[in-house]
Amino acid sequence: MLLVDDDAMVRTGLSMILGSTGDITVVGEAGDGDEAVAKVTAHAPDVVLMDIRMRRMDGLAATAAVTALARPPKVLVLTTFDLDQYVFDALGAGASGFLLKECSPQEIIDAVRVVGAGEAMLSPRATKKLIGHFVSARSNPRRNRALHGLSTLTEREREIVTAVAQGKPNSEIAAELHLSEATVKTHITRIFAKINAANRVQMTIFAYEAGLVVP
């Protein structure tokens, strides 16, 4: 994985935390977005832990740049929650989730493992609060697009979108809706195509914007 933060001490601390696990390898560090894009291209990490507030290219622009690559890494955004109003846009640009800078070392490790395994970091309650906060302030055109996407979904698909937005894993969704996990995965893939979402985080944003989930 790649660590991106303009504070060298923060990078050192994160490297020590993640390097102690045995199953997570830090392949590089970057101090700003420009350097992050270059090192993603050079090292092809599976996961990037991305700060938002940096000099030169910020984390938002860097997230958009690396997730647009042919073989994009998963991006975990670092935020101070109350101050970083760019986080919603980072999630919309393809980031797989975010971490609060005051979270515990174990939460950081768990988040990297979850995202590295291809899942979105949706479980922390703060994620829903953050997404809900920013969705409530989005423009009418975005809501109108979400409502149009909602009109293309079946009732079953709406149930699955709601469950995903609530942070439920496929196994729990399958049990609640009396479906197999394979069927849930098939539904989710179809929903991605219908609402133009790249991952479960973007599906969650869609759920808030369409009013399926209330902040």
N, C-alpha and C. Protein backbone atom coordinates (compact mmCIF):
# COMPACT_ATOMS: atom_id res chain seq x y z
N MET A 1 0.83 -1.19 0.00
CA MET A 1 0.00 0.00 0.00
C MET A 1 0.87 1.24 0.00
N LEU A 2 0.27 2.39 -0.36
CA LEU A 2 0.97 3.67 -0.42
C LEU A 2 0.37 4.61 0.61
N LEU A 3 1.23 5.33 1.35
CA LEU A 3 0.80 6.31 2.34
C LEU A 3 0.97 7.71 1.78
N VAL A 4 -0.09 8.52 1.81
CA VAL A 4 -0.02 9.87 1.27
C VAL A 4 -0.46 10.87 2.33
N ASP A 5 0.48 11.70 2.80
CA ASP A 5 0.18 12.73 3.79
C ASP A 5 1.31 13.73 3.75
N ASP A 6 1.00 15.02 3.90
CA ASP A 6 2.06 16.03 3.83
C ASP A 6 2.83 16.17 5.14
N ASP A 7 2.43 15.43 6.16
CA ASP A 7 3.13 15.44 7.44
C ASP A 7 3.99 14.18 7.54
N ALA A 8 5.32 14.36 7.53
CA ALA A 8 6.23 13.21 7.56
C ALA A 8 6.06 12.38 8.82
N MET A 9 5.75 13.03 9.95
CA MET A 9 5.57 12.30 11.20
C MET A 9 4.33 11.40 11.12
N VAL A 10 3.28 11.90 10.50
CA VAL A 10 2.07 11.09 10.32
C VAL A 10 2.38 9.88 9.46
N ARG A 11 3.11 10.09 8.37
CA ARG A 11 3.47 8.96 7.50
C ARG A 11 4.30 7.93 8.25
N THR A 12 5.24 8.41 9.07
CA THR A 12 6.08 7.49 9.84
C THR A 12 5.24 6.67 10.80
N GLY A 13 4.30 7.33 11.48
CA GLY A 13 3.44 6.61 12.42
C GLY A 13 2.57 5.59 11.73
N LEU A 14 1.99 5.97 10.60
CA LEU A 14 1.15 5.03 9.86
C LEU A 14 1.96 3.86 9.33
N SER A 15 3.18 4.13 8.88
CA SER A 15 4.04 3.07 8.36
C SER A 15 4.37 2.06 9.45
N MET A 16 4.63 2.56 10.66
CA MET A 16 4.93 1.67 11.78
C MET A 16 3.72 0.83 12.15
N ILE A 17 2.55 1.46 12.17
CA ILE A 17 1.32 0.74 12.53
C ILE A 17 1.02 -0.36 11.52
N LEU A 18 1.05 0.00 10.25
CA LEU A 18 0.66 -0.95 9.21
C LEU A 18 1.75 -1.99 8.95
N GLY A 19 3.01 -1.57 9.10
CA GLY A 19 4.11 -2.49 8.86
C GLY A 19 4.24 -3.56 9.92
N SER A 20 3.59 -3.35 11.08
CA SER A 20 3.69 -4.31 12.17
C SER A 20 2.72 -5.48 12.03
N THR A 21 1.85 -5.43 11.01
CA THR A 21 0.80 -6.44 10.91
C THR A 21 1.27 -7.77 10.35
N GLY A 22 2.24 -7.74 9.45
CA GLY A 22 2.70 -8.97 8.82
C GLY A 22 2.01 -9.28 7.51
N ASP A 23 0.80 -8.74 7.31
CA ASP A 23 0.09 -9.01 6.05
C ASP A 23 -0.14 -7.75 5.23
N ILE A 24 0.35 -6.61 5.71
CA ILE A 24 0.24 -5.35 4.97
C ILE A 24 1.64 -4.81 4.71
N THR A 25 1.95 -4.55 3.45
CA THR A 25 3.27 -4.05 3.08
C THR A 25 3.16 -2.63 2.55
N VAL A 26 3.90 -1.71 3.16
CA VAL A 26 3.95 -0.33 2.70
C VAL A 26 5.02 -0.24 1.62
N VAL A 27 4.62 0.03 0.38
CA VAL A 27 5.56 0.06 -0.74
C VAL A 27 6.10 1.46 -1.01
N GLY A 28 5.50 2.48 -0.38
CA GLY A 28 5.99 3.83 -0.61
C GLY A 28 5.20 4.86 0.14
N GLU A 29 5.73 6.09 0.12
CA GLU A 29 5.09 7.23 0.76
C GLU A 29 5.11 8.41 -0.19
N ALA A 30 4.15 9.33 -0.02
CA ALA A 30 4.11 10.55 -0.82
C ALA A 30 3.66 11.71 0.05
N GLY A 31 4.20 12.90 -0.24
CA GLY A 31 3.88 14.06 0.57
C GLY A 31 2.85 14.99 -0.04
N ASP A 32 2.43 14.72 -1.27
CA ASP A 32 1.37 15.52 -1.90
C ASP A 32 0.75 14.72 -3.03
N GLY A 33 -0.31 15.28 -3.63
CA GLY A 33 -1.04 14.55 -4.65
C GLY A 33 -0.25 14.24 -5.90
N ASP A 34 0.57 15.19 -6.34
CA ASP A 34 1.39 14.94 -7.53
C ASP A 34 2.30 13.74 -7.33
N GLU A 35 2.97 13.71 -6.18
CA GLU A 35 3.87 12.61 -5.88
C GLU A 35 3.09 11.31 -5.73
N ALA A 36 1.88 11.41 -5.17
CA ALA A 36 1.05 10.21 -5.00
C ALA A 36 0.73 9.56 -6.34
N VAL A 37 0.32 10.37 -7.31
CA VAL A 37 -0.02 9.83 -8.63
C VAL A 37 1.20 9.17 -9.27
N ALA A 38 2.36 9.81 -9.14
CA ALA A 38 3.58 9.26 -9.72
C ALA A 38 3.93 7.92 -9.07
N LYS A 39 3.78 7.84 -7.73
CA LYS A 39 4.16 6.61 -7.04
C LYS A 39 3.14 5.50 -7.23
N VAL A 40 1.89 5.84 -7.41
CA VAL A 40 0.90 4.82 -7.75
C VAL A 40 1.25 4.21 -9.10
N THR A 41 1.62 5.05 -10.04
CA THR A 41 2.01 4.57 -11.37
C THR A 41 3.25 3.68 -11.30
N ALA A 42 4.20 4.07 -10.43
CA ALA A 42 5.46 3.34 -10.33
C ALA A 42 5.33 2.03 -9.56
N HIS A 43 4.54 2.03 -8.48
CA HIS A 43 4.51 0.88 -7.58
C HIS A 43 3.24 0.04 -7.66
N ALA A 44 2.18 0.56 -8.27
CA ALA A 44 0.90 -0.17 -8.41
C ALA A 44 0.42 -0.76 -7.09
N PRO A 45 0.26 0.06 -6.05
CA PRO A 45 -0.22 -0.47 -4.77
C PRO A 45 -1.69 -0.89 -4.87
N ASP A 46 -2.10 -1.80 -4.01
CA ASP A 46 -3.50 -2.21 -3.98
C ASP A 46 -4.36 -1.18 -3.27
N VAL A 47 -3.79 -0.51 -2.26
CA VAL A 47 -4.53 0.45 -1.45
C VAL A 47 -3.70 1.72 -1.28
N VAL A 48 -4.37 2.87 -1.32
CA VAL A 48 -3.73 4.16 -1.03
C VAL A 48 -4.46 4.79 0.14
N LEU A 49 -3.72 5.16 1.18
CA LEU A 49 -4.28 5.89 2.31
C LEU A 49 -4.01 7.36 2.03
N MET A 50 -5.06 8.12 1.70
CA MET A 50 -4.93 9.45 1.09
C MET A 50 -5.40 10.57 2.01
N ASP A 51 -4.49 11.48 2.35
CA ASP A 51 -4.87 12.69 3.08
C ASP A 51 -5.59 13.63 2.11
N ILE A 52 -6.43 14.51 2.63
CA ILE A 52 -7.15 15.45 1.78
C ILE A 52 -6.40 16.77 1.66
N ARG A 53 -6.01 17.34 2.77
CA ARG A 53 -5.42 18.69 2.76
C ARG A 53 -3.92 18.60 2.56
N MET A 54 -3.46 18.90 1.35
CA MET A 54 -2.03 18.85 1.04
C MET A 54 -1.68 19.99 0.10
N ARG A 55 -0.40 20.33 0.06
CA ARG A 55 0.08 21.35 -0.87
C ARG A 55 0.05 20.80 -2.30
N ARG A 56 0.16 21.72 -3.24
CA ARG A 56 0.09 21.39 -4.67
C ARG A 56 -1.22 20.63 -4.95
N MET A 57 -1.16 19.44 -5.52
CA MET A 57 -2.39 18.70 -5.77
C MET A 57 -2.93 18.15 -4.46
N ASP A 58 -4.20 18.44 -4.15
CA ASP A 58 -4.77 17.93 -2.90
C ASP A 58 -5.28 16.50 -3.07
N GLY A 59 -5.77 15.95 -1.97
CA GLY A 59 -6.20 14.55 -2.00
C GLY A 59 -7.40 14.29 -2.88
N LEU A 60 -8.26 15.29 -3.04
CA LEU A 60 -9.43 15.12 -3.89
C LEU A 60 -9.01 14.93 -5.34
N ALA A 61 -8.15 15.83 -5.82
CA ALA A 61 -7.68 15.72 -7.20
C ALA A 61 -6.87 14.44 -7.40
N ALA A 62 -6.07 14.10 -6.41
CA ALA A 62 -5.25 12.90 -6.52
C ALA A 62 -6.11 11.64 -6.54
N THR A 63 -7.17 11.63 -5.75
CA THR A 63 -8.09 10.49 -5.74
C THR A 63 -8.72 10.31 -7.11
N ALA A 64 -9.19 11.40 -7.69
CA ALA A 64 -9.79 11.33 -9.03
C ALA A 64 -8.77 10.83 -10.05
N ALA A 65 -7.52 11.27 -9.91
CA ALA A 65 -6.49 10.89 -10.87
C ALA A 65 -6.14 9.41 -10.77
N VAL A 66 -5.96 8.90 -9.56
CA VAL A 66 -5.53 7.50 -9.43
C VAL A 66 -6.66 6.52 -9.67
N THR A 67 -7.90 6.91 -9.35
CA THR A 67 -9.02 6.00 -9.61
C THR A 67 -9.40 5.96 -11.09
N ALA A 68 -8.84 6.90 -11.86
CA ALA A 68 -9.09 6.90 -13.31
C ALA A 68 -8.06 6.08 -14.07
N LEU A 69 -7.05 5.54 -13.38
CA LEU A 69 -6.02 4.75 -14.04
C LEU A 69 -6.59 3.42 -14.53
N ALA A 70 -5.90 2.79 -15.44
CA ALA A 70 -6.37 1.52 -16.00
C ALA A 70 -6.48 0.44 -14.93
N ARG A 71 -5.53 0.42 -13.99
CA ARG A 71 -5.58 -0.53 -12.87
C ARG A 71 -5.56 0.28 -11.58
N PRO A 72 -6.70 0.86 -11.22
CA PRO A 72 -6.73 1.78 -10.08
C PRO A 72 -6.61 1.07 -8.73
N PRO A 73 -5.94 1.71 -7.78
CA PRO A 73 -5.90 1.16 -6.42
C PRO A 73 -7.18 1.53 -5.70
N LYS A 74 -7.45 0.88 -4.57
CA LYS A 74 -8.52 1.31 -3.69
C LYS A 74 -7.99 2.49 -2.88
N VAL A 75 -8.81 3.51 -2.68
CA VAL A 75 -8.39 4.70 -1.96
C VAL A 75 -9.18 4.85 -0.67
N LEU A 76 -8.46 4.98 0.43
CA LEU A 76 -9.04 5.32 1.73
C LEU A 76 -8.68 6.77 2.03
N VAL A 77 -9.68 7.61 2.22
CA VAL A 77 -9.44 9.03 2.47
C VAL A 77 -9.27 9.28 3.96
N LEU A 78 -8.27 10.10 4.30
CA LEU A 78 -8.05 10.54 5.68
C LEU A 78 -8.71 11.90 5.87
N THR A 79 -9.46 12.06 6.93
CA THR A 79 -10.16 13.33 7.13
C THR A 79 -10.27 13.70 8.60
N THR A 80 -10.45 14.99 8.84
CA THR A 80 -10.73 15.47 10.20
C THR A 80 -12.23 15.58 10.42
N PHE A 81 -13.03 15.11 9.48
CA PHE A 81 -14.49 14.99 9.54
C PHE A 81 -15.20 16.33 9.52
N ASP A 82 -15.03 17.17 10.53
CA ASP A 82 -15.78 18.41 10.60
C ASP A 82 -15.27 19.45 9.62
N LEU A 83 -14.00 19.35 9.22
CA LEU A 83 -13.40 20.40 8.42
C LEU A 83 -13.29 20.07 6.94
N ASP A 84 -13.13 18.81 6.62
CA ASP A 84 -12.85 18.44 5.23
C ASP A 84 -14.12 18.28 4.41
N GLN A 85 -14.58 19.38 3.83
CA GLN A 85 -15.81 19.35 3.05
C GLN A 85 -15.60 18.73 1.68
N TYR A 86 -14.38 18.33 1.37
CA TYR A 86 -14.11 17.69 0.09
C TYR A 86 -14.36 16.18 0.13
N VAL A 87 -14.60 15.65 1.32
CA VAL A 87 -14.66 14.19 1.45
C VAL A 87 -15.78 13.59 0.61
N PHE A 88 -16.93 14.22 0.62
CA PHE A 88 -18.05 13.69 -0.17
C PHE A 88 -17.66 13.55 -1.63
N ASP A 89 -17.01 14.58 -2.16
CA ASP A 89 -16.60 14.55 -3.57
C ASP A 89 -15.53 13.49 -3.81
N ALA A 90 -14.67 13.25 -2.82
CA ALA A 90 -13.67 12.20 -2.95
C ALA A 90 -14.34 10.84 -3.04
N LEU A 91 -15.35 10.62 -2.21
CA LEU A 91 -16.09 9.36 -2.26
C LEU A 91 -16.80 9.22 -3.62
N GLY A 92 -17.38 10.32 -4.06
CA GLY A 92 -18.04 10.29 -5.36
C GLY A 92 -17.09 10.05 -6.51
N ALA A 93 -15.82 10.45 -6.32
CA ALA A 93 -14.82 10.28 -7.38
C ALA A 93 -14.27 8.86 -7.43
N GLY A 94 -14.66 8.02 -6.48
CA GLY A 94 -14.22 6.63 -6.53
C GLY A 94 -13.49 6.12 -5.31
N ALA A 95 -13.31 6.96 -4.28
CA ALA A 95 -12.67 6.47 -3.06
C ALA A 95 -13.55 5.39 -2.43
N SER A 96 -12.92 4.44 -1.78
CA SER A 96 -13.66 3.31 -1.21
C SER A 96 -14.07 3.54 0.24
N GLY A 97 -13.80 4.71 0.77
CA GLY A 97 -14.20 5.00 2.13
C GLY A 97 -13.30 6.05 2.75
N PHE A 98 -13.42 6.24 4.04
CA PHE A 98 -12.58 7.23 4.71
C PHE A 98 -12.34 6.82 6.15
N LEU A 99 -11.29 7.39 6.71
CA LEU A 99 -10.94 7.20 8.11
C LEU A 99 -10.82 8.55 8.79
N LEU A 100 -11.22 8.62 10.04
CA LEU A 100 -10.97 9.81 10.83
C LEU A 100 -9.55 9.76 11.34
N LYS A 101 -8.87 10.90 11.37
CA LYS A 101 -7.47 10.90 11.77
C LYS A 101 -7.27 10.51 13.23
N GLU A 102 -8.33 10.64 14.04
CA GLU A 102 -8.19 10.25 15.44
C GLU A 102 -8.59 8.81 15.71
N CYS A 103 -8.82 8.02 14.65
CA CYS A 103 -9.20 6.63 14.87
C CYS A 103 -8.03 5.83 15.43
N SER A 104 -8.34 4.68 16.00
CA SER A 104 -7.32 3.87 16.66
C SER A 104 -6.46 3.13 15.64
N PRO A 105 -5.26 2.71 16.04
CA PRO A 105 -4.42 1.92 15.13
C PRO A 105 -5.12 0.68 14.58
N GLN A 106 -5.89 0.00 15.44
CA GLN A 106 -6.57 -1.20 14.98
C GLN A 106 -7.64 -0.88 13.95
N GLU A 107 -8.31 0.25 14.10
CA GLU A 107 -9.31 0.66 13.11
C GLU A 107 -8.67 0.95 11.77
N ILE A 108 -7.47 1.53 11.80
CA ILE A 108 -6.74 1.79 10.55
C ILE A 108 -6.39 0.48 9.87
N ILE A 109 -5.86 -0.45 10.65
CA ILE A 109 -5.48 -1.76 10.11
C ILE A 109 -6.70 -2.47 9.53
N ASP A 110 -7.80 -2.48 10.28
CA ASP A 110 -9.01 -3.15 9.82
C ASP A 110 -9.53 -2.53 8.53
N ALA A 111 -9.49 -1.18 8.46
CA ALA A 111 -9.99 -0.49 7.27
C ALA A 111 -9.18 -0.85 6.04
N VAL A 112 -7.86 -0.88 6.18
CA VAL A 112 -7.00 -1.22 5.06
C VAL A 112 -7.28 -2.65 4.59
N ARG A 113 -7.48 -3.56 5.53
CA ARG A 113 -7.77 -4.94 5.16
C ARG A 113 -9.11 -5.06 4.45
N VAL A 114 -10.12 -4.36 4.96
CA VAL A 114 -11.45 -4.42 4.34
C VAL A 114 -11.41 -3.88 2.92
N VAL A 115 -10.81 -2.72 2.73
CA VAL A 115 -10.74 -2.12 1.40
C VAL A 115 -9.86 -2.94 0.48
N GLY A 116 -8.76 -3.46 1.01
CA GLY A 116 -7.89 -4.30 0.21
C GLY A 116 -8.57 -5.55 -0.29
N ALA A 117 -9.57 -6.01 0.46
CA ALA A 117 -10.32 -7.20 0.07
C ALA A 117 -11.42 -6.89 -0.94
N GLY A 118 -11.55 -5.60 -1.30
CA GLY A 118 -12.52 -5.23 -2.31
C GLY A 118 -13.83 -4.70 -1.78
N GLU A 119 -13.94 -4.53 -0.45
CA GLU A 119 -15.15 -4.00 0.12
C GLU A 119 -15.01 -2.50 0.38
N ALA A 120 -16.12 -1.83 0.59
CA ALA A 120 -16.09 -0.41 0.93
C ALA A 120 -16.13 -0.24 2.44
N MET A 121 -15.50 0.83 2.91
CA MET A 121 -15.47 1.09 4.35
C MET A 121 -16.72 1.85 4.73
N LEU A 122 -17.82 1.11 4.96
CA LEU A 122 -19.10 1.74 5.23
C LEU A 122 -19.60 1.52 6.66
N SER A 123 -18.93 0.67 7.40
CA SER A 123 -19.49 0.29 8.68
C SER A 123 -19.45 1.34 9.77
N PRO A 124 -18.41 2.19 9.87
CA PRO A 124 -18.41 3.14 10.96
C PRO A 124 -19.61 4.09 10.88
N ARG A 125 -20.22 4.33 12.04
CA ARG A 125 -21.37 5.21 12.09
C ARG A 125 -21.05 6.59 11.52
N ALA A 126 -19.82 7.03 11.72
CA ALA A 126 -19.42 8.34 11.23
C ALA A 126 -19.52 8.44 9.72
N THR A 127 -19.33 7.35 9.02
CA THR A 127 -19.42 7.37 7.57
C THR A 127 -20.81 7.80 7.13
N LYS A 128 -21.82 7.21 7.75
CA LYS A 128 -23.19 7.54 7.39
C LYS A 128 -23.50 9.00 7.74
N LYS A 129 -22.99 9.44 8.89
CA LYS A 129 -23.22 10.83 9.27
C LYS A 129 -22.58 11.78 8.27
N LEU A 130 -21.36 11.45 7.86
CA LEU A 130 -20.65 12.32 6.93
C LEU A 130 -21.36 12.38 5.58
N ILE A 131 -21.68 11.22 5.03
CA ILE A 131 -22.36 11.18 3.74
C ILE A 131 -23.71 11.89 3.85
N GLY A 132 -24.45 11.61 4.92
CA GLY A 132 -25.74 12.25 5.10
C GLY A 132 -25.63 13.76 5.19
N HIS A 133 -24.60 14.25 5.87
CA HIS A 133 -24.39 15.69 6.04
C HIS A 133 -24.16 16.37 4.70
N PHE A 134 -23.32 15.79 3.87
CA PHE A 134 -23.00 16.43 2.61
C PHE A 134 -24.09 16.23 1.57
N VAL A 135 -24.77 15.09 1.60
CA VAL A 135 -25.85 14.88 0.65
C VAL A 135 -26.96 15.89 0.89
N SER A 136 -27.21 16.22 2.14
CA SER A 136 -28.29 17.15 2.46
C SER A 136 -28.06 18.52 1.87
N ALA A 137 -26.78 18.83 1.56
CA ALA A 137 -26.45 20.14 1.02
C ALA A 137 -26.17 20.12 -0.48
N ARG A 138 -26.38 18.99 -1.14
CA ARG A 138 -26.05 18.92 -2.56
C ARG A 138 -27.11 19.63 -3.41
N SER A 139 -26.76 19.88 -4.64
CA SER A 139 -27.63 20.65 -5.52
C SER A 139 -28.80 19.81 -6.02
N ASN A 140 -29.86 20.50 -6.45
CA ASN A 140 -31.03 19.82 -6.98
C ASN A 140 -30.72 18.95 -8.20
N PRO A 141 -29.83 19.39 -9.12
CA PRO A 141 -29.53 18.52 -10.27
C PRO A 141 -29.03 17.14 -9.87
N ARG A 142 -28.20 17.08 -8.82
CA ARG A 142 -27.71 15.77 -8.37
C ARG A 142 -28.86 14.93 -7.83
N ARG A 143 -29.74 15.56 -7.07
CA ARG A 143 -30.89 14.81 -6.54
C ARG A 143 -31.80 14.37 -7.67
N ASN A 144 -31.99 15.23 -8.65
CA ASN A 144 -32.83 14.85 -9.79
C ASN A 144 -32.26 13.66 -10.54
N ARG A 145 -30.93 13.63 -10.71
CA ARG A 145 -30.30 12.48 -11.38
C ARG A 145 -30.49 11.22 -10.55
N ALA A 146 -30.38 11.37 -9.22
CA ALA A 146 -30.56 10.21 -8.35
C ALA A 146 -31.99 9.69 -8.43
N LEU A 147 -32.96 10.59 -8.47
CA LEU A 147 -34.36 10.18 -8.57
C LEU A 147 -34.63 9.49 -9.90
N HIS A 148 -33.97 9.95 -10.96
CA HIS A 148 -34.13 9.28 -12.26
C HIS A 148 -33.56 7.86 -12.18
N GLY A 149 -32.37 7.73 -11.55
CA GLY A 149 -31.79 6.40 -11.38
C GLY A 149 -32.68 5.50 -10.55
N LEU A 150 -33.30 6.09 -9.53
CA LEU A 150 -34.19 5.31 -8.66
C LEU A 150 -35.37 4.74 -9.45
N SER A 151 -35.83 5.50 -10.43
CA SER A 151 -36.99 5.05 -11.21
C SER A 151 -36.68 3.83 -12.07
N THR A 152 -35.38 3.55 -12.27
CA THR A 152 -35.00 2.39 -13.10
C THR A 152 -34.87 1.11 -12.28
N LEU A 153 -34.93 1.23 -10.95
CA LEU A 153 -34.72 0.08 -10.09
C LEU A 153 -36.02 -0.64 -9.76
N THR A 154 -35.93 -1.95 -9.63
CA THR A 154 -37.06 -2.73 -9.17
C THR A 154 -37.20 -2.58 -7.66
N GLU A 155 -38.31 -3.04 -7.11
CA GLU A 155 -38.51 -2.96 -5.66
C GLU A 155 -37.43 -3.75 -4.92
N ARG A 156 -37.06 -4.91 -5.43
CA ARG A 156 -36.01 -5.72 -4.81
C ARG A 156 -34.67 -4.99 -4.84
N GLU A 157 -34.38 -4.36 -5.97
CA GLU A 157 -33.12 -3.62 -6.09
C GLU A 157 -33.09 -2.45 -5.12
N ARG A 158 -34.23 -1.80 -4.90
CA ARG A 158 -34.28 -0.69 -3.93
C ARG A 158 -34.01 -1.21 -2.51
N GLU A 159 -34.53 -2.38 -2.22
CA GLU A 159 -34.29 -2.97 -0.90
C GLU A 159 -32.79 -3.24 -0.70
N ILE A 160 -32.14 -3.72 -1.75
CA ILE A 160 -30.72 -4.03 -1.65
C ILE A 160 -29.90 -2.75 -1.54
N VAL A 161 -30.24 -1.72 -2.31
CA VAL A 161 -29.53 -0.45 -2.20
C VAL A 161 -29.64 0.10 -0.78
N THR A 162 -30.83 0.04 -0.21
CA THR A 162 -31.04 0.54 1.15
C THR A 162 -30.19 -0.24 2.15
N ALA A 163 -30.14 -1.55 1.99
CA ALA A 163 -29.36 -2.38 2.90
C ALA A 163 -27.86 -2.08 2.78
N VAL A 164 -27.38 -1.89 1.55
CA VAL A 164 -25.98 -1.54 1.35
C VAL A 164 -25.67 -0.21 2.01
N ALA A 165 -26.57 0.76 1.87
CA ALA A 165 -26.37 2.08 2.46
C ALA A 165 -26.37 2.03 3.99
N GLN A 166 -26.98 1.02 4.54
CA GLN A 166 -26.99 0.83 5.99
C GLN A 166 -25.75 0.08 6.48
N GLY A 167 -24.84 -0.21 5.55
CA GLY A 167 -23.58 -0.86 5.90
C GLY A 167 -23.65 -2.36 6.08
N LYS A 168 -24.69 -2.98 5.56
CA LYS A 168 -24.85 -4.42 5.74
C LYS A 168 -24.05 -5.20 4.70
N PRO A 169 -23.34 -6.26 5.11
CA PRO A 169 -22.60 -7.09 4.15
C PRO A 169 -23.56 -7.97 3.35
N ASN A 170 -23.04 -8.55 2.28
CA ASN A 170 -23.89 -9.38 1.42
C ASN A 170 -24.54 -10.54 2.16
N SER A 171 -23.80 -11.12 3.11
CA SER A 171 -24.34 -12.27 3.84
C SER A 171 -25.58 -11.88 4.64
N GLU A 172 -25.54 -10.71 5.26
CA GLU A 172 -26.69 -10.25 6.05
C GLU A 172 -27.85 -9.87 5.15
N ILE A 173 -27.54 -9.22 4.03
CA ILE A 173 -28.60 -8.85 3.07
C ILE A 173 -29.29 -10.11 2.56
N ALA A 174 -28.49 -11.12 2.23
CA ALA A 174 -29.05 -12.38 1.71
C ALA A 174 -29.98 -13.03 2.73
N ALA A 175 -29.57 -13.04 3.99
CA ALA A 175 -30.39 -13.66 5.03
C ALA A 175 -31.70 -12.90 5.23
N GLU A 176 -31.62 -11.57 5.24
CA GLU A 176 -32.83 -10.77 5.47
C GLU A 176 -33.83 -10.88 4.32
N LEU A 177 -33.32 -10.97 3.09
CA LEU A 177 -34.20 -10.99 1.93
C LEU A 177 -34.46 -12.40 1.40
N HIS A 178 -33.94 -13.40 2.13
CA HIS A 178 -34.13 -14.80 1.75
C HIS A 178 -33.61 -15.08 0.34
N LEU A 179 -32.39 -14.61 0.10
CA LEU A 179 -31.72 -14.82 -1.17
C LEU A 179 -30.38 -15.48 -0.94
N SER A 180 -29.77 -16.01 -1.97
CA SER A 180 -28.41 -16.51 -1.85
C SER A 180 -27.45 -15.33 -1.98
N GLU A 181 -26.24 -15.48 -1.45
CA GLU A 181 -25.25 -14.41 -1.58
C GLU A 181 -24.92 -14.17 -3.05
N ALA A 182 -24.91 -15.22 -3.84
CA ALA A 182 -24.62 -15.07 -5.27
C ALA A 182 -25.68 -14.20 -5.95
N THR A 183 -26.94 -14.39 -5.55
CA THR A 183 -28.02 -13.59 -6.12
C THR A 183 -27.88 -12.13 -5.71
N VAL A 184 -27.51 -11.89 -4.46
CA VAL A 184 -27.30 -10.51 -3.99
C VAL A 184 -26.19 -9.85 -4.79
N LYS A 185 -25.10 -10.59 -5.02
CA LYS A 185 -23.99 -10.03 -5.80
C LYS A 185 -24.42 -9.69 -7.22
N THR A 186 -25.25 -10.55 -7.81
CA THR A 186 -25.75 -10.30 -9.16
C THR A 186 -26.60 -9.04 -9.19
N HIS A 187 -27.48 -8.91 -8.19
CA HIS A 187 -28.31 -7.70 -8.10
C HIS A 187 -27.44 -6.45 -7.98
N ILE A 188 -26.41 -6.51 -7.13
CA ILE A 188 -25.56 -5.34 -6.90
C ILE A 188 -24.83 -4.94 -8.18
N THR A 189 -24.36 -5.93 -8.93
CA THR A 189 -23.68 -5.65 -10.20
C THR A 189 -24.63 -4.95 -11.17
N ARG A 190 -25.87 -5.41 -11.24
CA ARG A 190 -26.86 -4.78 -12.12
C ARG A 190 -27.18 -3.36 -11.66
N ILE A 191 -27.27 -3.18 -10.35
CA ILE A 191 -27.58 -1.85 -9.80
C ILE A 191 -26.45 -0.88 -10.13
N PHE A 192 -25.20 -1.33 -9.98
CA PHE A 192 -24.05 -0.48 -10.34
C PHE A 192 -24.24 0.07 -11.75
N ALA A 193 -24.60 -0.79 -12.68
CA ALA A 193 -24.76 -0.37 -14.08
C ALA A 193 -25.92 0.60 -14.24
N LYS A 194 -27.02 0.36 -13.55
CA LYS A 194 -28.20 1.20 -13.70
C LYS A 194 -27.99 2.61 -13.14
N ILE A 195 -27.27 2.72 -12.02
CA ILE A 195 -27.14 4.03 -11.38
C ILE A 195 -25.76 4.65 -11.62
N ASN A 196 -24.95 3.97 -12.45
CA ASN A 196 -23.61 4.47 -12.80
C ASN A 196 -22.74 4.63 -11.55
N ALA A 197 -22.70 3.60 -10.72
CA ALA A 197 -21.88 3.59 -9.51
C ALA A 197 -20.71 2.63 -9.70
N ALA A 198 -19.56 3.00 -9.14
CA ALA A 198 -18.37 2.16 -9.28
C ALA A 198 -18.18 1.23 -8.09
N ASN A 199 -18.77 1.57 -6.95
CA ASN A 199 -18.57 0.75 -5.75
C ASN A 199 -19.71 0.98 -4.76
N ARG A 200 -19.61 0.33 -3.60
CA ARG A 200 -20.70 0.41 -2.62
C ARG A 200 -20.79 1.78 -1.97
N VAL A 201 -19.68 2.49 -1.90
CA VAL A 201 -19.74 3.84 -1.34
C VAL A 201 -20.58 4.74 -2.23
N GLN A 202 -20.33 4.67 -3.55
CA GLN A 202 -21.12 5.48 -4.47
C GLN A 202 -22.59 5.06 -4.44
N MET A 203 -22.85 3.77 -4.22
CA MET A 203 -24.22 3.32 -4.10
C MET A 203 -24.87 3.93 -2.85
N THR A 204 -24.10 4.04 -1.79
CA THR A 204 -24.61 4.63 -0.56
C THR A 204 -24.92 6.11 -0.76
N ILE A 205 -24.03 6.82 -1.44
CA ILE A 205 -24.28 8.23 -1.76
C ILE A 205 -25.59 8.35 -2.56
N PHE A 206 -25.74 7.48 -3.55
CA PHE A 206 -26.96 7.47 -4.35
C PHE A 206 -28.19 7.26 -3.47
N ALA A 207 -28.10 6.34 -2.51
CA ALA A 207 -29.24 6.05 -1.64
C ALA A 207 -29.66 7.28 -0.84
N TYR A 208 -28.69 8.04 -0.36
CA TYR A 208 -29.01 9.28 0.37
C TYR A 208 -29.61 10.32 -0.56
N GLU A 209 -29.00 10.49 -1.72
CA GLU A 209 -29.47 11.52 -2.65
C GLU A 209 -30.87 11.21 -3.17
N ALA A 210 -31.18 9.92 -3.32
CA ALA A 210 -32.49 9.52 -3.83
C ALA A 210 -33.54 9.45 -2.74
N GLY A 211 -33.11 9.62 -1.48
CA GLY A 211 -34.06 9.61 -0.37
C GLY A 211 -34.40 8.24 0.16
N LEU A 212 -33.68 7.20 -0.28
CA LEU A 212 -33.93 5.85 0.25
C LEU A 212 -33.48 5.74 1.70
N VAL A 213 -32.46 6.52 2.05
CA VAL A 213 -31.96 6.54 3.42
C VAL A 213 -31.98 7.99 3.87
N VAL A 214 -32.47 8.23 5.07
CA VAL A 214 -32.57 9.60 5.60
C VAL A 214 -31.40 9.86 6.53
N PRO A 215 -30.67 10.98 6.33
CA PRO A 215 -29.53 11.32 7.20
C PRO A 215 -29.96 11.41 8.66
